[in-house]
Amino acid sequence: MVDYVFEPPVLVAVPVVGRADQFPVRRIFCVGRNYAAHAREMGHDPNREPPFFFTKPADALVTGGADTPYPTATENLHHEMELVVAIGTGGTNIAPAEALGHVFGYAAGLDLTRRDLQDEAKAMRRPWDMSKGFDASAPIGDIATVASIGHPLAGRIALTVNGQARQQGDLADQIWPVPDVIAYLSRLVALAPGDLIFTGTPDGVGALVRGDVLAGEIAGVGSVHTRII
């Protein structure tokens, strides 16, 4: 039996559709600028450059449609609606043709961003960490298993705020589709069961204020809901 200097943190887990057991989360990886239209709106060339990644801590997740507190240290909180891949089988140097075999399921998620902090970090050529990996920065819906929905390589992805359309695109518009994202990431780190990958957002990102109600949906996958408080 191991003794600890204090009680270990509670394991973060995401509900799974139709199951009593939950998906334990190990790490969260996020793909930047993976839709051409979003790359353009952020002032970048959408040509197919190699994908790049940033991370969020596992305890940044907000599950079950719970409220999301407006974070400190920002006056420009933005929403980014994304498909989330839940890894069920780990590996390194995974071939694109084999990548989907490592997926447990998919969910709808939100990558919340302190845009003013991110812009400042970019201007000063500093890391983005505190603009992306803050508390409650990753609301997520329940995970749907591959066995129940297959692999959503195309389909509508959309977000409304207070019932008004903000973002709409198609998963087929991803510059790097899911198999390529998994394969590329597995060359950089050893993927493991419990890893989540947020796969990028379509255009239409925008600011949020306290009281806003967000409702995101991905065809054939599921939804994510939260209210900014």
C-alpha atoms as a PDB file:
ATOM      1  CA  MET A   1       0.000   0.000   0.000  1.00  0.00           C
ATOM      2  CA  VAL A   2       1.319   3.435  -1.012  1.00  0.00           C
ATOM      3  CA  ASP A   3       1.036   6.435   1.271  1.00  0.00           C
ATOM      4  CA  TYR A   4       0.700   9.942  -0.195  1.00  0.00           C
ATOM      5  CA  VAL A   5       1.490  13.327   1.310  1.00  0.00           C
ATOM      6  CA  PHE A   6      -2.079  14.361   0.486  1.00  0.00           C
ATOM      7  CA  GLU A   7      -5.168  12.711  -1.030  1.00  0.00           C
ATOM      8  CA  PRO A   8      -4.619  12.043  -4.762  1.00  0.00           C
ATOM      9  CA  PRO A   9      -6.881  13.996  -7.131  1.00  0.00           C
ATOM     10  CA  VAL A  10     -10.088  12.393  -8.309  1.00  0.00           C
ATOM     11  CA  LEU A  11      -9.767  10.746 -11.726  1.00  0.00           C
ATOM     12  CA  VAL A  12     -11.446  12.769 -14.488  1.00  0.00           C
ATOM     13  CA  ALA A  13     -13.903  10.754 -16.599  1.00  0.00           C
ATOM     14  CA  VAL A  14     -16.450  11.402 -19.351  1.00  0.00           C
ATOM     15  CA  PRO A  15     -19.838   9.608 -19.537  1.00  0.00           C
ATOM     16  CA  VAL A  16     -20.300   7.126 -22.380  1.00  0.00           C
ATOM     17  CA  VAL A  17     -23.610   6.985 -24.236  1.00  0.00           C
ATOM     18  CA  GLY A  18     -25.665   3.925 -23.281  1.00  0.00           C
ATOM     19  CA  ARG A  19     -23.184   2.623 -20.718  1.00  0.00           C
ATOM     20  CA  ALA A  20     -22.832   2.802 -16.950  1.00  0.00           C
ATOM     21  CA  ASP A  21     -19.033   2.850 -17.062  1.00  0.00           C
ATOM     22  CA  GLN A  22     -17.190   6.040 -17.974  1.00  0.00           C
ATOM     23  CA  PHE A  23     -14.154   6.936 -20.078  1.00  0.00           C
ATOM     24  CA  PRO A  24     -11.166   7.805 -17.832  1.00  0.00           C
ATOM     25  CA  VAL A  25      -9.190  10.725 -19.232  1.00  0.00           C
ATOM     26  CA  ARG A  26      -5.390  10.722 -19.312  1.00  0.00           C
ATOM     27  CA  ARG A  27      -4.379  13.681 -21.496  1.00  0.00           C
ATOM     28  CA  ILE A  28      -6.010  16.203 -23.830  1.00  0.00           C
ATOM     29  CA  PHE A  29      -4.363  17.157 -27.115  1.00  0.00           C
ATOM     30  CA  CYS A  30      -5.781  19.831 -29.442  1.00  0.00           C
ATOM     31  CA  VAL A  31      -5.085  20.462 -33.130  1.00  0.00           C
ATOM     32  CA  GLY A  32      -4.662  24.083 -34.212  1.00  0.00           C
ATOM     33  CA  ARG A  33      -6.123  25.610 -37.384  1.00  0.00           C
ATOM     34  CA  ASN A  34      -7.449  22.381 -38.908  1.00  0.00           C
ATOM     35  CA  TYR A  35     -10.173  24.011 -41.062  1.00  0.00           C
ATOM     36  CA  ALA A  36      -9.149  26.266 -43.949  1.00  0.00           C
ATOM     37  CA  ALA A  37     -11.851  28.882 -43.327  1.00  0.00           C
ATOM     38  CA  HIS A  38     -10.888  29.192 -39.664  1.00  0.00           C
ATOM     39  CA  ALA A  39      -7.203  29.502 -40.586  1.00  0.00           C
ATOM     40  CA  ARG A  40      -8.140  32.395 -42.877  1.00  0.00           C
ATOM     41  CA  GLU A  41     -10.251  34.158 -40.241  1.00  0.00           C
ATOM     42  CA  MET A  42      -7.269  33.950 -37.867  1.00  0.00           C
ATOM     43  CA  GLY A  43      -5.018  35.514 -40.510  1.00  0.00           C
ATOM     44  CA  HIS A  44      -3.120  32.409 -41.643  1.00  0.00           C
ATOM     45  CA  ASP A  45      -2.504  30.596 -44.925  1.00  0.00           C
ATOM     46  CA  PRO A  46      -4.716  27.476 -44.982  1.00  0.00           C
ATOM     47  CA  ASN A  47      -2.345  25.474 -47.151  1.00  0.00           C
ATOM     48  CA  ARG A  48      -1.753  21.993 -45.766  1.00  0.00           C
ATOM     49  CA  GLU A  49       1.146  22.678 -43.436  1.00  0.00           C
ATOM     50  CA  PRO A  50       2.047  19.961 -40.905  1.00  0.00           C
ATOM     51  CA  PRO A  51      -0.456  19.906 -38.029  1.00  0.00           C
ATOM     52  CA  PHE A  52       0.530  21.453 -34.715  1.00  0.00           C
ATOM     53  CA  PHE A  53      -0.760  20.664 -31.250  1.00  0.00           C
ATOM     54  CA  PHE A  54      -1.324  22.216 -27.852  1.00  0.00           C
ATOM     55  CA  THR A  55      -2.654  20.638 -24.674  1.00  0.00           C
ATOM     56  CA  LYS A  56      -5.187  21.122 -21.907  1.00  0.00           C
ATOM     57  CA  PRO A  57      -5.139  19.450 -18.491  1.00  0.00           C
ATOM     58  CA  ALA A  58      -7.622  16.631 -17.998  1.00  0.00           C
ATOM     59  CA  ASP A  59      -9.378  18.532 -15.231  1.00  0.00           C
ATOM     60  CA  ALA A  60     -10.222  21.347 -17.679  1.00  0.00           C
ATOM     61  CA  LEU A  61     -13.158  19.196 -18.842  1.00  0.00           C
ATOM     62  CA  VAL A  62     -16.731  20.232 -18.051  1.00  0.00           C
ATOM     63  CA  THR A  63     -19.139  17.301 -18.374  1.00  0.00           C
ATOM     64  CA  GLY A  64     -22.846  16.615 -18.076  1.00  0.00           C
ATOM     65  CA  GLY A  65     -23.977  20.003 -19.407  1.00  0.00           C
ATOM     66  CA  ALA A  66     -22.722  21.757 -16.263  1.00  0.00           C
ATOM     67  CA  ASP A  67     -22.270  25.525 -16.169  1.00  0.00           C
ATOM     68  CA  THR A  68     -18.883  26.950 -17.146  1.00  0.00           C
ATOM     69  CA  PRO A  69     -17.474  29.857 -15.137  1.00  0.00           C
ATOM     70  CA  TYR A  70     -16.183  32.840 -17.102  1.00  0.00           C
ATOM     71  CA  PRO A  71     -12.416  32.659 -16.527  1.00  0.00           C
ATOM     72  CA  THR A  72     -10.266  35.234 -14.819  1.00  0.00           C
ATOM     73  CA  ALA A  73      -7.573  37.246 -16.608  1.00  0.00           C
ATOM     74  CA  THR A  74      -9.486  37.774 -19.855  1.00  0.00           C
ATOM     75  CA  GLU A  75     -11.907  40.200 -21.446  1.00  0.00           C
ATOM     76  CA  ASN A  76     -12.252  38.237 -24.690  1.00  0.00           C
ATOM     77  CA  LEU A  77     -13.338  34.618 -24.143  1.00  0.00           C
ATOM     78  CA  HIS A  78     -13.972  32.778 -27.430  1.00  0.00           C
ATOM     79  CA  HIS A  79     -15.809  29.569 -28.343  1.00  0.00           C
ATOM     80  CA  GLU A  80     -14.416  26.919 -30.727  1.00  0.00           C
ATOM     81  CA  MET A  81     -16.683  23.974 -31.578  1.00  0.00           C
ATOM     82  CA  GLU A  82     -14.833  20.700 -32.214  1.00  0.00           C
ATOM     83  CA  LEU A  83     -15.033  16.964 -32.846  1.00  0.00           C
ATOM     84  CA  VAL A  84     -13.281  15.082 -30.037  1.00  0.00           C
ATOM     85  CA  VAL A  85     -11.605  11.706 -30.600  1.00  0.00           C
ATOM     86  CA  ALA A  86     -11.367   9.321 -27.628  1.00  0.00           C
ATOM     87  CA  ILE A  87      -8.386   6.962 -27.890  1.00  0.00           C
ATOM     88  CA  GLY A  88      -9.008   3.400 -26.720  1.00  0.00           C
ATOM     89  CA  THR A  89      -5.798   1.692 -27.849  1.00  0.00           C
ATOM     90  CA  GLY A  90      -2.405   3.352 -27.596  1.00  0.00           C
ATOM     91  CA  GLY A  91       0.631   3.222 -29.828  1.00  0.00           C
ATOM     92  CA  THR A  92       3.505   5.049 -31.484  1.00  0.00           C
ATOM     93  CA  ASN A  93       4.240   5.629 -35.173  1.00  0.00           C
ATOM     94  CA  ILE A  94       0.712   4.570 -36.071  1.00  0.00           C
ATOM     95  CA  ALA A  95       0.072   4.304 -39.803  1.00  0.00           C
ATOM     96  CA  PRO A  96      -2.845   6.395 -41.126  1.00  0.00           C
ATOM     97  CA  ALA A  97      -4.460   3.243 -42.531  1.00  0.00           C
ATOM     98  CA  GLU A  98      -4.489   1.717 -39.037  1.00  0.00           C
ATOM     99  CA  ALA A  99      -5.295   4.837 -37.021  1.00  0.00           C
ATOM    100  CA  LEU A 100      -9.060   4.441 -36.769  1.00  0.00           C
ATOM    101  CA  GLY A 101      -8.556   1.069 -35.107  1.00  0.00           C
ATOM    102  CA  HIS A 102      -7.179   2.953 -32.088  1.00  0.00           C
ATOM    103  CA  VAL A 103     -10.367   4.997 -31.567  1.00  0.00           C
ATOM    104  CA  PHE A 104     -12.835   4.139 -28.795  1.00  0.00           C
ATOM    105  CA  GLY A 105     -15.388   6.794 -29.679  1.00  0.00           C
ATOM    106  CA  TYR A 106     -16.220  10.407 -30.460  1.00  0.00           C
ATOM    107  CA  ALA A 107     -17.798  13.384 -28.726  1.00  0.00           C
ATOM    108  CA  ALA A 108     -18.726  17.004 -29.321  1.00  0.00           C
ATOM    109  CA  GLY A 109     -16.537  19.466 -27.447  1.00  0.00           C
ATOM    110  CA  LEU A 110     -15.702  23.133 -26.990  1.00  0.00           C
ATOM    111  CA  ASP A 111     -12.191  24.565 -26.908  1.00  0.00           C
ATOM    112  CA  LEU A 112     -12.638  27.799 -24.948  1.00  0.00           C
ATOM    113  CA  THR A 113      -9.896  30.348 -25.514  1.00  0.00           C
ATOM    114  CA  ARG A 114      -8.718  33.494 -23.750  1.00  0.00           C
ATOM    115  CA  ARG A 115      -8.229  35.208 -27.113  1.00  0.00           C
ATOM    116  CA  ASP A 116      -6.625  38.358 -25.736  1.00  0.00           C
ATOM    117  CA  LEU A 117      -4.016  36.310 -23.865  1.00  0.00           C
ATOM    118  CA  GLN A 118      -3.406  34.203 -26.959  1.00  0.00           C
ATOM    119  CA  ASP A 119      -2.962  37.277 -29.171  1.00  0.00           C
ATOM    120  CA  GLU A 120      -0.511  38.756 -26.685  1.00  0.00           C
ATOM    121  CA  ALA A 121       1.433  35.487 -26.501  1.00  0.00           C
ATOM    122  CA  LYS A 122       1.625  35.285 -30.294  1.00  0.00           C
ATOM    123  CA  ALA A 123       2.838  38.872 -30.561  1.00  0.00           C
ATOM    124  CA  MET A 124       5.573  38.211 -27.999  1.00  0.00           C
ATOM    125  CA  ARG A 125       6.382  34.746 -29.409  1.00  0.00           C
ATOM    126  CA  ARG A 126       5.547  33.103 -26.116  1.00  0.00           C
ATOM    127  CA  PRO A 127       3.666  29.836 -25.386  1.00  0.00           C
ATOM    128  CA  TRP A 128      -0.137  29.779 -25.521  1.00  0.00           C
ATOM    129  CA  ASP A 129      -0.584  27.658 -22.395  1.00  0.00           C
ATOM    130  CA  MET A 130      -2.563  30.080 -20.244  1.00  0.00           C
ATOM    131  CA  SER A 131      -4.806  31.076 -23.151  1.00  0.00           C
ATOM    132  CA  LYS A 132      -5.904  27.483 -23.757  1.00  0.00           C
ATOM    133  CA  GLY A 133      -5.268  25.294 -20.704  1.00  0.00           C
ATOM    134  CA  PHE A 134      -7.149  27.179 -17.998  1.00  0.00           C
ATOM    135  CA  ASP A 135      -9.777  25.799 -15.601  1.00  0.00           C
ATOM    136  CA  ALA A 136     -13.061  24.688 -17.233  1.00  0.00           C
ATOM    137  CA  SER A 137     -11.746  25.418 -20.733  1.00  0.00           C
ATOM    138  CA  ALA A 138     -13.042  22.191 -22.311  1.00  0.00           C
ATOM    139  CA  PRO A 139     -16.782  21.482 -22.056  1.00  0.00           C
ATOM    140  CA  ILE A 140     -17.554  18.089 -23.607  1.00  0.00           C
ATOM    141  CA  GLY A 141     -20.602  15.978 -24.394  1.00  0.00           C
ATOM    142  CA  ASP A 142     -20.962  12.263 -23.734  1.00  0.00           C
ATOM    143  CA  ILE A 143     -18.758   9.940 -25.781  1.00  0.00           C
ATOM    144  CA  ALA A 144     -20.458   7.794 -28.432  1.00  0.00           C
ATOM    145  CA  THR A 145     -18.628   4.537 -29.119  1.00  0.00           C
ATOM    146  CA  VAL A 146     -17.350   3.493 -32.530  1.00  0.00           C
ATOM    147  CA  ALA A 147     -19.464   0.358 -32.151  1.00  0.00           C
ATOM    148  CA  SER A 148     -22.597   2.512 -32.028  1.00  0.00           C
ATOM    149  CA  ILE A 149     -21.860   5.265 -34.586  1.00  0.00           C
ATOM    150  CA  GLY A 150     -18.892   4.161 -36.697  1.00  0.00           C
ATOM    151  CA  HIS A 151     -16.367   6.799 -37.765  1.00  0.00           C
ATOM    152  CA  PRO A 152     -17.799  10.274 -38.561  1.00  0.00           C
ATOM    153  CA  LEU A 153     -15.410  11.383 -41.293  1.00  0.00           C
ATOM    154  CA  ALA A 154     -18.014  13.792 -42.710  1.00  0.00           C
ATOM    155  CA  GLY A 155     -21.089  15.507 -41.338  1.00  0.00           C
ATOM    156  CA  ARG A 156     -22.396  18.826 -40.063  1.00  0.00           C
ATOM    157  CA  ILE A 157     -20.675  20.478 -37.097  1.00  0.00           C
ATOM    158  CA  ALA A 158     -22.446  23.524 -35.682  1.00  0.00           C
ATOM    159  CA  LEU A 159     -22.759  25.787 -32.645  1.00  0.00           C
ATOM    160  CA  THR A 160     -25.444  28.178 -31.504  1.00  0.00           C
ATOM    161  CA  VAL A 161     -25.150  30.800 -28.772  1.00  0.00           C
ATOM    162  CA  ASN A 162     -28.455  31.851 -27.214  1.00  0.00           C
ATOM    163  CA  GLY A 163     -30.200  30.112 -30.114  1.00  0.00           C
ATOM    164  CA  GLN A 164     -28.344  32.096 -32.771  1.00  0.00           C
ATOM    165  CA  ALA A 165     -26.055  30.326 -35.248  1.00  0.00           C
ATOM    166  CA  ARG A 166     -22.373  31.066 -34.676  1.00  0.00           C
ATOM    167  CA  GLN A 167     -20.403  28.244 -36.303  1.00  0.00           C
ATOM    168  CA  GLN A 168     -21.267  25.763 -39.029  1.00  0.00           C
ATOM    169  CA  GLY A 169     -19.085  23.501 -41.130  1.00  0.00           C
ATOM    170  CA  ASP A 170     -18.523  19.914 -42.158  1.00  0.00           C
ATOM    171  CA  LEU A 171     -16.081  17.385 -40.741  1.00  0.00           C
ATOM    172  CA  ALA A 172     -15.043  16.665 -44.319  1.00  0.00           C
ATOM    173  CA  ASP A 173     -13.556  20.190 -44.428  1.00  0.00           C
ATOM    174  CA  GLN A 174     -10.768  19.256 -42.020  1.00  0.00           C
ATOM    175  CA  ILE A 175      -7.333  19.908 -43.518  1.00  0.00           C
ATOM    176  CA  TRP A 176      -6.002  16.907 -41.584  1.00  0.00           C
ATOM    177  CA  PRO A 177      -8.707  14.228 -41.124  1.00  0.00           C
ATOM    178  CA  VAL A 178      -8.807  12.079 -38.007  1.00  0.00           C
ATOM    179  CA  PRO A 179      -6.588   9.207 -39.284  1.00  0.00           C
ATOM    180  CA  ASP A 180      -3.846  11.653 -40.273  1.00  0.00           C
ATOM    181  CA  VAL A 181      -4.105  13.547 -36.976  1.00  0.00           C
ATOM    182  CA  ILE A 182      -3.716  10.338 -34.959  1.00  0.00           C
ATOM    183  CA  ALA A 183      -0.826   9.124 -37.104  1.00  0.00           C
ATOM    184  CA  TYR A 184       1.053  12.433 -36.919  1.00  0.00           C
ATOM    185  CA  LEU A 185       0.525  12.873 -33.173  1.00  0.00           C
ATOM    186  CA  SER A 186       1.678   9.307 -32.498  1.00  0.00           C
ATOM    187  CA  ARG A 187       5.041  10.214 -34.029  1.00  0.00           C
ATOM    188  CA  LEU A 188       5.451  12.961 -31.430  1.00  0.00           C
ATOM    189  CA  VAL A 189       4.163  11.186 -28.293  1.00  0.00           C
ATOM    190  CA  ALA A 190       3.100   7.678 -27.335  1.00  0.00           C
ATOM    191  CA  LEU A 191      -0.682   7.693 -27.410  1.00  0.00           C
ATOM    192  CA  ALA A 192      -2.429   5.748 -24.663  1.00  0.00           C
ATOM    193  CA  PRO A 193      -5.956   4.701 -23.707  1.00  0.00           C
ATOM    194  CA  GLY A 194      -7.721   7.666 -22.148  1.00  0.00           C
ATOM    195  CA  ASP A 195      -6.215  10.322 -24.417  1.00  0.00           C
ATOM    196  CA  LEU A 196      -8.594  12.818 -26.032  1.00  0.00           C
ATOM    197  CA  ILE A 197      -7.877  14.738 -29.227  1.00  0.00           C
ATOM    198  CA  PHE A 198      -9.809  17.936 -30.032  1.00  0.00           C
ATOM    199  CA  THR A 199      -9.574  18.090 -33.817  1.00  0.00           C
ATOM    200  CA  GLY A 200      -9.965  21.791 -34.630  1.00  0.00           C
ATOM    201  CA  THR A 201     -12.801  24.222 -35.289  1.00  0.00           C
ATOM    202  CA  PRO A 202     -14.593  25.625 -38.330  1.00  0.00           C
ATOM    203  CA  ASP A 203     -14.815  29.369 -38.871  1.00  0.00           C
ATOM    204  CA  GLY A 204     -17.175  31.622 -36.951  1.00  0.00           C
ATOM    205  CA  VAL A 205     -15.373  31.734 -33.611  1.00  0.00           C
ATOM    206  CA  GLY A 206     -16.441  34.652 -31.463  1.00  0.00           C
ATOM    207  CA  ALA A 207     -16.695  36.256 -28.060  1.00  0.00           C
ATOM    208  CA  LEU A 208     -18.807  35.062 -25.131  1.00  0.00           C
ATOM    209  CA  VAL A 209     -20.263  36.905 -22.144  1.00  0.00           C
ATOM    210  CA  ARG A 210     -21.716  35.743 -18.861  1.00  0.00           C
ATOM    211  CA  GLY A 211     -25.171  34.289 -19.328  1.00  0.00           C
ATOM    212  CA  ASP A 212     -24.556  32.955 -22.835  1.00  0.00           C
ATOM    213  CA  VAL A 213     -26.002  29.500 -23.492  1.00  0.00           C
ATOM    214  CA  LEU A 214     -23.980  27.334 -25.893  1.00  0.00           C
ATOM    215  CA  ALA A 215     -25.419  24.382 -27.791  1.00  0.00           C
ATOM    216  CA  GLY A 216     -23.140  22.461 -30.127  1.00  0.00           C
ATOM    217  CA  GLU A 217     -24.023  19.499 -32.311  1.00  0.00           C
ATOM    218  CA  ILE A 218     -22.161  17.122 -34.610  1.00  0.00           C
ATOM    219  CA  ALA A 219     -24.262  15.001 -36.953  1.00  0.00           C
ATOM    220  CA  GLY A 220     -24.147  11.345 -36.023  1.00  0.00           C
ATOM    221  CA  VAL A 221     -22.001  12.001 -32.936  1.00  0.00           C
ATOM    222  CA  GLY A 222     -23.852  14.005 -30.306  1.00  0.00           C
ATOM    223  CA  SER A 223     -24.043  17.373 -28.623  1.00  0.00           C
ATOM    224  CA  VAL A 224     -22.446  19.590 -26.012  1.00  0.00           C
ATOM    225  CA  HIS A 225     -24.240  22.156 -23.861  1.00  0.00           C
ATOM    226  CA  THR A 226     -23.099  24.686 -21.299  1.00  0.00           C
ATOM    227  CA  ARG A 227     -23.947  28.108 -19.901  1.00  0.00           C
ATOM    228  CA  ILE A 228     -21.319  30.738 -19.162  1.00  0.00           C
ATOM    229  CA  ILE A 229     -21.742  32.058 -15.621  1.00  0.00           C
END
